[in-house]
């Protein structure tokens, strides 16, 4: 496994993690980050829509 893919985890965890599991953990973390980013963007969009609607109603 390339070192740059393992560098984001603590050394003790990297040493104990079997090589086969590292890509799975990386993929899981990537999916979780993407999900959080998507949720954050959706919340931003929702907030802008609410602000626009409240300005139009005022």
N, C-alpha and C. Protein backbone atom coordinates (compact mmCIF):
# COMPACT_ATOMS: atom_id res chain seq x y z
N UNK A 1 0.86 -1.18 0.00
CA UNK A 1 0.00 0.00 0.00
C UNK A 1 0.89 1.23 0.00
N UNK A 2 0.60 2.19 -0.86
CA UNK A 2 1.40 3.42 -0.90
C UNK A 2 1.35 4.15 0.45
N UNK A 3 2.47 4.68 0.85
CA UNK A 3 2.56 5.35 2.15
C UNK A 3 1.60 6.52 2.27
N UNK A 4 1.38 7.26 1.19
CA UNK A 4 0.52 8.44 1.30
C UNK A 4 -0.93 8.07 1.63
N UNK A 5 -1.32 6.83 1.36
CA UNK A 5 -2.68 6.40 1.70
C UNK A 5 -2.79 5.99 3.17
N UNK A 6 -1.69 5.66 3.78
CA UNK A 6 -1.69 5.26 5.19
C UNK A 6 -1.27 6.40 6.10
N UNK A 7 -0.76 7.47 5.55
CA UNK A 7 -0.20 8.55 6.35
C UNK A 7 -1.23 9.30 7.18
N UNK A 8 -2.50 9.21 6.82
CA UNK A 8 -3.53 9.97 7.52
C UNK A 8 -3.99 9.30 8.81
N UNK A 9 -3.49 8.13 9.11
CA UNK A 9 -3.90 7.45 10.34
C UNK A 9 -2.74 7.43 11.33
N UNK A 10 -3.05 7.33 12.62
CA UNK A 10 -1.98 7.26 13.62
C UNK A 10 -1.06 6.07 13.34
N UNK A 11 0.20 6.23 13.66
CA UNK A 11 1.20 5.21 13.35
C UNK A 11 0.86 3.86 13.97
N UNK A 12 0.43 3.85 15.23
CA UNK A 12 0.13 2.57 15.87
C UNK A 12 -1.02 1.84 15.18
N UNK A 13 -2.00 2.60 14.70
CA UNK A 13 -3.12 2.00 13.97
C UNK A 13 -2.63 1.47 12.62
N UNK A 14 -1.80 2.23 11.95
CA UNK A 14 -1.28 1.81 10.64
C UNK A 14 -0.48 0.52 10.76
N UNK A 15 0.31 0.42 11.80
CA UNK A 15 1.14 -0.77 11.99
C UNK A 15 0.28 -2.00 12.25
N UNK A 16 -0.80 -1.85 12.99
CA UNK A 16 -1.67 -2.99 13.34
C UNK A 16 -2.68 -3.34 12.25
N UNK A 17 -2.88 -2.46 11.29
CA UNK A 17 -3.91 -2.67 10.27
C UNK A 17 -3.38 -3.57 9.16
N UNK A 18 -4.05 -4.69 8.91
CA UNK A 18 -3.63 -5.54 7.79
C UNK A 18 -3.75 -4.76 6.47
N UNK A 19 -2.84 -5.03 5.58
CA UNK A 19 -2.79 -4.32 4.30
C UNK A 19 -4.13 -4.42 3.57
N UNK A 20 -4.80 -5.55 3.68
CA UNK A 20 -6.07 -5.75 2.97
C UNK A 20 -7.16 -4.82 3.49
N UNK A 21 -7.09 -4.42 4.75
CA UNK A 21 -8.13 -3.58 5.33
C UNK A 21 -7.92 -2.09 5.06
N UNK A 22 -6.71 -1.69 4.80
CA UNK A 22 -6.42 -0.26 4.62
C UNK A 22 -7.24 0.38 3.51
N UNK A 23 -7.31 -0.22 2.31
CA UNK A 23 -8.12 0.40 1.25
C UNK A 23 -9.60 0.48 1.63
N UNK A 24 -10.08 -0.52 2.35
CA UNK A 24 -11.49 -0.51 2.77
C UNK A 24 -11.74 0.64 3.74
N UNK A 25 -10.84 0.84 4.69
CA UNK A 25 -11.00 1.92 5.66
C UNK A 25 -10.89 3.27 4.97
N UNK A 26 -9.98 3.37 4.01
CA UNK A 26 -9.82 4.61 3.27
C UNK A 26 -11.10 4.92 2.49
N UNK A 27 -11.67 3.92 1.85
CA UNK A 27 -12.90 4.11 1.09
C UNK A 27 -14.05 4.50 2.02
N UNK A 28 -14.14 3.85 3.17
CA UNK A 28 -15.20 4.18 4.14
C UNK A 28 -15.06 5.62 4.60
N UNK A 29 -13.86 6.04 4.93
CA UNK A 29 -13.63 7.42 5.37
C UNK A 29 -13.96 8.40 4.26
N UNK A 30 -13.60 8.05 3.04
CA UNK A 30 -13.88 8.92 1.90
C UNK A 30 -15.38 9.07 1.68
N UNK A 31 -16.10 7.97 1.78
CA UNK A 31 -17.56 8.01 1.60
C UNK A 31 -18.20 8.85 2.71
N UNK A 32 -17.72 8.68 3.94
CA UNK A 32 -18.28 9.45 5.07
C UNK A 32 -18.01 10.94 4.89
N UNK A 33 -16.80 11.29 4.45
CA UNK A 33 -16.48 12.71 4.21
C UNK A 33 -17.36 13.27 3.11
N UNK A 34 -17.55 12.51 2.04
CA UNK A 34 -18.38 12.97 0.93
C UNK A 34 -19.82 13.16 1.37
N UNK A 35 -20.32 12.23 2.18
CA UNK A 35 -21.69 12.33 2.69
C UNK A 35 -21.84 13.59 3.55
N UNK A 36 -20.87 13.85 4.42
CA UNK A 36 -20.92 15.04 5.27
C UNK A 36 -20.85 16.31 4.44
N UNK A 37 -20.02 16.32 3.42
CA UNK A 37 -19.90 17.49 2.54
C UNK A 37 -21.21 17.73 1.80
N UNK A 38 -21.80 16.67 1.28
CA UNK A 38 -23.08 16.79 0.58
C UNK A 38 -24.16 17.32 1.51
N UNK A 39 -24.20 16.80 2.72
CA UNK A 39 -25.20 17.26 3.70
C UNK A 39 -24.98 18.73 4.03
N UNK A 40 -23.75 19.13 4.20
CA UNK A 40 -23.44 20.53 4.51
C UNK A 40 -23.86 21.45 3.37
N UNK A 41 -23.57 21.02 2.15
CA UNK A 41 -23.96 21.83 0.99
C UNK A 41 -25.48 21.93 0.88
N UNK A 42 -26.16 20.83 1.17
CA UNK A 42 -27.63 20.85 1.11
C UNK A 42 -28.19 21.79 2.16
N UNK A 43 -27.61 21.78 3.35
CA UNK A 43 -28.06 22.68 4.41
C UNK A 43 -27.83 24.14 4.00
N UNK A 44 -26.68 24.41 3.39
CA UNK A 44 -26.41 25.77 2.91
C UNK A 44 -27.45 26.20 1.88
N UNK A 45 -27.75 25.31 0.95
CA UNK A 45 -28.75 25.60 -0.08
C UNK A 45 -30.11 25.84 0.55
N UNK A 46 -30.50 24.98 1.47
CA UNK A 46 -31.78 25.14 2.16
C UNK A 46 -31.85 26.49 2.89
N UNK A 47 -30.76 26.86 3.56
CA UNK A 47 -30.74 28.13 4.28
C UNK A 47 -30.88 29.32 3.33
N UNK A 48 -30.20 29.25 2.19
CA UNK A 48 -30.31 30.35 1.21
C UNK A 48 -31.73 30.46 0.67
N UNK A 49 -32.36 29.32 0.41
CA UNK A 49 -33.74 29.33 -0.09
C UNK A 49 -34.66 29.95 0.96
N UNK A 50 -34.50 29.53 2.22
CA UNK A 50 -35.33 30.10 3.29
C UNK A 50 -35.12 31.61 3.41
N UNK A 51 -33.87 32.06 3.34
CA UNK A 51 -33.58 33.49 3.43
C UNK A 51 -34.23 34.25 2.27
N UNK A 52 -34.12 33.70 1.08
CA UNK A 52 -34.71 34.34 -0.10
C UNK A 52 -36.23 34.43 0.05
N UNK A 53 -36.84 33.36 0.49
CA UNK A 53 -38.29 33.36 0.67
C UNK A 53 -38.72 34.35 1.75
N UNK A 54 -37.97 34.42 2.84
CA UNK A 54 -38.36 35.35 3.91
C UNK A 54 -38.18 36.79 3.47
N UNK A 55 -37.19 37.08 2.62
CA UNK A 55 -37.01 38.44 2.11
C UNK A 55 -38.15 38.82 1.18
N UNK A 56 -38.61 37.87 0.39
CA UNK A 56 -39.71 38.15 -0.54
C UNK A 56 -41.02 38.37 0.20
N UNK A 57 -41.18 37.70 1.33
CA UNK A 57 -42.43 37.82 2.09
C UNK A 57 -42.45 39.07 2.96
N UNK A 58 -41.29 39.65 3.23
CA UNK A 58 -41.22 40.82 4.12
C UNK A 58 -41.63 42.09 3.43
